[in-house]
Amino acid sequence: MQAYVYKSLRKADTYVYLATRDDFARLPEPLRTQLGTLQFVLEVALTPERRLAREDATVVRGNLVERGFHLQFPPTVEDPMKEDWGTDA
């Protein structure tokens, strides 16, 4: 299965995978408005053995089949001060 990946120029680190290139009509209107302009960045074959950096390829394929798109949000950033640093200060 081919996927076409676009980045949002309005929302940092937010990407949209589409089953069909430039098929933005698949995206709900409120989502299109929030994302703003989408810039094409990658065409990728989503095979069962394909590993993606931040997403589960099986989930992406499922969303592409079911909805025609998959939305990838920015990774959450953990507060580094929550960790136990091993000090008893």
C-alpha atoms as a PDB file:
ATOM      1  CA  MET A   1       0.000   0.000   0.000  1.00  0.00           C
ATOM      2  CA  GLN A   2       1.323   3.438  -0.927  1.00  0.00           C
ATOM      3  CA  ALA A   3       0.985   6.378   1.424  1.00  0.00           C
ATOM      4  CA  TYR A   4       1.568  10.028   0.688  1.00  0.00           C
ATOM      5  CA  VAL A   5       2.826  12.103   3.601  1.00  0.00           C
ATOM      6  CA  TYR A   6       2.259  15.828   4.036  1.00  0.00           C
ATOM      7  CA  LYS A   7       3.393  18.180   6.781  1.00  0.00           C
ATOM      8  CA  SER A   8       1.236  20.931   8.175  1.00  0.00           C
ATOM      9  CA  LEU A   9       2.758  24.362   7.691  1.00  0.00           C
ATOM     10  CA  ARG A  10       0.599  25.677  10.543  1.00  0.00           C
ATOM     11  CA  LYS A  11       1.026  22.919  13.183  1.00  0.00           C
ATOM     12  CA  ALA A  12       4.627  21.979  13.960  1.00  0.00           C
ATOM     13  CA  ASP A  13       5.533  18.274  13.726  1.00  0.00           C
ATOM     14  CA  THR A  14       2.039  17.348  12.520  1.00  0.00           C
ATOM     15  CA  TYR A  15       1.785  15.075   9.479  1.00  0.00           C
ATOM     16  CA  VAL A  16      -1.047  13.673   7.390  1.00  0.00           C
ATOM     17  CA  TYR A  17      -0.785  10.352   5.548  1.00  0.00           C
ATOM     18  CA  LEU A  18      -3.147  10.003   2.581  1.00  0.00           C
ATOM     19  CA  ALA A  19      -4.077   6.841   0.689  1.00  0.00           C
ATOM     20  CA  THR A  20      -4.351   8.854  -2.552  1.00  0.00           C
ATOM     21  CA  ARG A  21      -1.982  11.666  -3.443  1.00  0.00           C
ATOM     22  CA  ASP A  22      -3.474  15.142  -2.956  1.00  0.00           C
ATOM     23  CA  ASP A  23      -6.877  13.713  -1.889  1.00  0.00           C
ATOM     24  CA  PHE A  24      -7.471  16.424   0.716  1.00  0.00           C
ATOM     25  CA  ALA A  25     -11.250  15.993   0.376  1.00  0.00           C
ATOM     26  CA  ARG A  26     -10.846  12.944   2.689  1.00  0.00           C
ATOM     27  CA  LEU A  27      -9.963  15.258   5.568  1.00  0.00           C
ATOM     28  CA  PRO A  28     -12.870  16.696   7.566  1.00  0.00           C
ATOM     29  CA  GLU A  29     -13.228  20.433   6.960  1.00  0.00           C
ATOM     30  CA  PRO A  30     -12.465  21.445  10.591  1.00  0.00           C
ATOM     31  CA  LEU A  31      -9.228  19.424  10.446  1.00  0.00           C
ATOM     32  CA  ARG A  32      -8.195  20.982   7.126  1.00  0.00           C
ATOM     33  CA  THR A  33      -8.787  24.418   8.609  1.00  0.00           C
ATOM     34  CA  GLN A  34      -6.668  23.660  11.704  1.00  0.00           C
ATOM     35  CA  LEU A  35      -3.794  22.167   9.703  1.00  0.00           C
ATOM     36  CA  GLY A  36      -3.648  24.956   7.138  1.00  0.00           C
ATOM     37  CA  THR A  37      -1.517  24.410   4.055  1.00  0.00           C
ATOM     38  CA  LEU A  38      -0.137  20.887   3.675  1.00  0.00           C
ATOM     39  CA  GLN A  39       3.218  20.370   1.957  1.00  0.00           C
ATOM     40  CA  PHE A  40       4.086  17.035   0.329  1.00  0.00           C
ATOM     41  CA  VAL A  41       7.166  15.460   1.921  1.00  0.00           C
ATOM     42  CA  LEU A  42       7.242  11.728   1.188  1.00  0.00           C
ATOM     43  CA  GLU A  43       5.788   8.798  -0.719  1.00  0.00           C
ATOM     44  CA  VAL A  44       6.237   5.525   1.154  1.00  0.00           C
ATOM     45  CA  ALA A  45       5.258   1.891   0.587  1.00  0.00           C
ATOM     46  CA  LEU A  46       3.570   0.628   3.762  1.00  0.00           C
ATOM     47  CA  THR A  47       4.373  -3.059   3.615  1.00  0.00           C
ATOM     48  CA  PRO A  48       3.815  -5.364   6.628  1.00  0.00           C
ATOM     49  CA  GLU A  49       7.554  -5.317   7.343  1.00  0.00           C
ATOM     50  CA  ARG A  50       7.843  -1.511   7.056  1.00  0.00           C
ATOM     51  CA  ARG A  51       8.860   0.242  10.265  1.00  0.00           C
ATOM     52  CA  LEU A  52       8.112   3.911  10.756  1.00  0.00           C
ATOM     53  CA  ALA A  53       9.982   6.230  13.098  1.00  0.00           C
ATOM     54  CA  ARG A  54       7.032   7.496  15.139  1.00  0.00           C
ATOM     55  CA  GLU A  55       4.012   5.489  14.070  1.00  0.00           C
ATOM     56  CA  ASP A  56       2.893   1.877  13.974  1.00  0.00           C
ATOM     57  CA  ALA A  57       2.671   1.034  10.254  1.00  0.00           C
ATOM     58  CA  THR A  58      -0.203  -1.399  10.924  1.00  0.00           C
ATOM     59  CA  VAL A  59      -2.266   1.381  12.517  1.00  0.00           C
ATOM     60  CA  VAL A  60      -1.430   3.765   9.667  1.00  0.00           C
ATOM     61  CA  ARG A  61      -2.479   1.175   7.055  1.00  0.00           C
ATOM     62  CA  GLY A  62      -5.722   0.506   8.942  1.00  0.00           C
ATOM     63  CA  ASN A  63      -6.593   4.199   9.089  1.00  0.00           C
ATOM     64  CA  LEU A  64      -5.796   4.643   5.405  1.00  0.00           C
ATOM     65  CA  VAL A  65      -8.123   1.768   4.483  1.00  0.00           C
ATOM     66  CA  GLU A  66     -10.896   2.852   6.844  1.00  0.00           C
ATOM     67  CA  ARG A  67     -10.728   6.666   6.530  1.00  0.00           C
ATOM     68  CA  GLY A  68      -8.381   7.400   3.660  1.00  0.00           C
ATOM     69  CA  PHE A  69      -6.046   9.336   5.971  1.00  0.00           C
ATOM     70  CA  HIS A  70      -3.949   9.056   9.127  1.00  0.00           C
ATOM     71  CA  LEU A  71      -2.950  11.967  11.342  1.00  0.00           C
ATOM     72  CA  GLN A  72       0.424  11.976  13.113  1.00  0.00           C
ATOM     73  CA  PHE A  73       0.708  14.398  16.031  1.00  0.00           C
ATOM     74  CA  PRO A  74       3.952  15.741  17.489  1.00  0.00           C
ATOM     75  CA  PRO A  75       5.585  13.531  20.102  1.00  0.00           C
ATOM     76  CA  THR A  76       4.815  14.455  23.663  1.00  0.00           C
ATOM     77  CA  VAL A  77       7.686  15.901  25.605  1.00  0.00           C
ATOM     78  CA  GLU A  78       8.164  14.537  29.091  1.00  0.00           C
ATOM     79  CA  ASP A  79       9.104  16.965  31.852  1.00  0.00           C
ATOM     80  CA  PRO A  80      12.745  16.078  32.639  1.00  0.00           C
ATOM     81  CA  MET A  81      12.305  17.358  36.196  1.00  0.00           C
ATOM     82  CA  LYS A  82       9.857  14.508  36.980  1.00  0.00           C
ATOM     83  CA  GLU A  83      12.621  11.906  36.903  1.00  0.00           C
ATOM     84  CA  ASP A  84      14.385  10.733  40.033  1.00  0.00           C
ATOM     85  CA  TRP A  85      17.901  12.086  39.631  1.00  0.00           C
ATOM     86  CA  GLY A  86      19.193  10.045  42.560  1.00  0.00           C
ATOM     87  CA  THR A  87      19.931  13.045  44.730  1.00  0.00           C
ATOM     88  CA  ASP A  88      18.697  13.617  48.232  1.00  0.00           C
ATOM     89  CA  ALA A  89      19.207  17.355  48.141  1.00  0.00           C
END
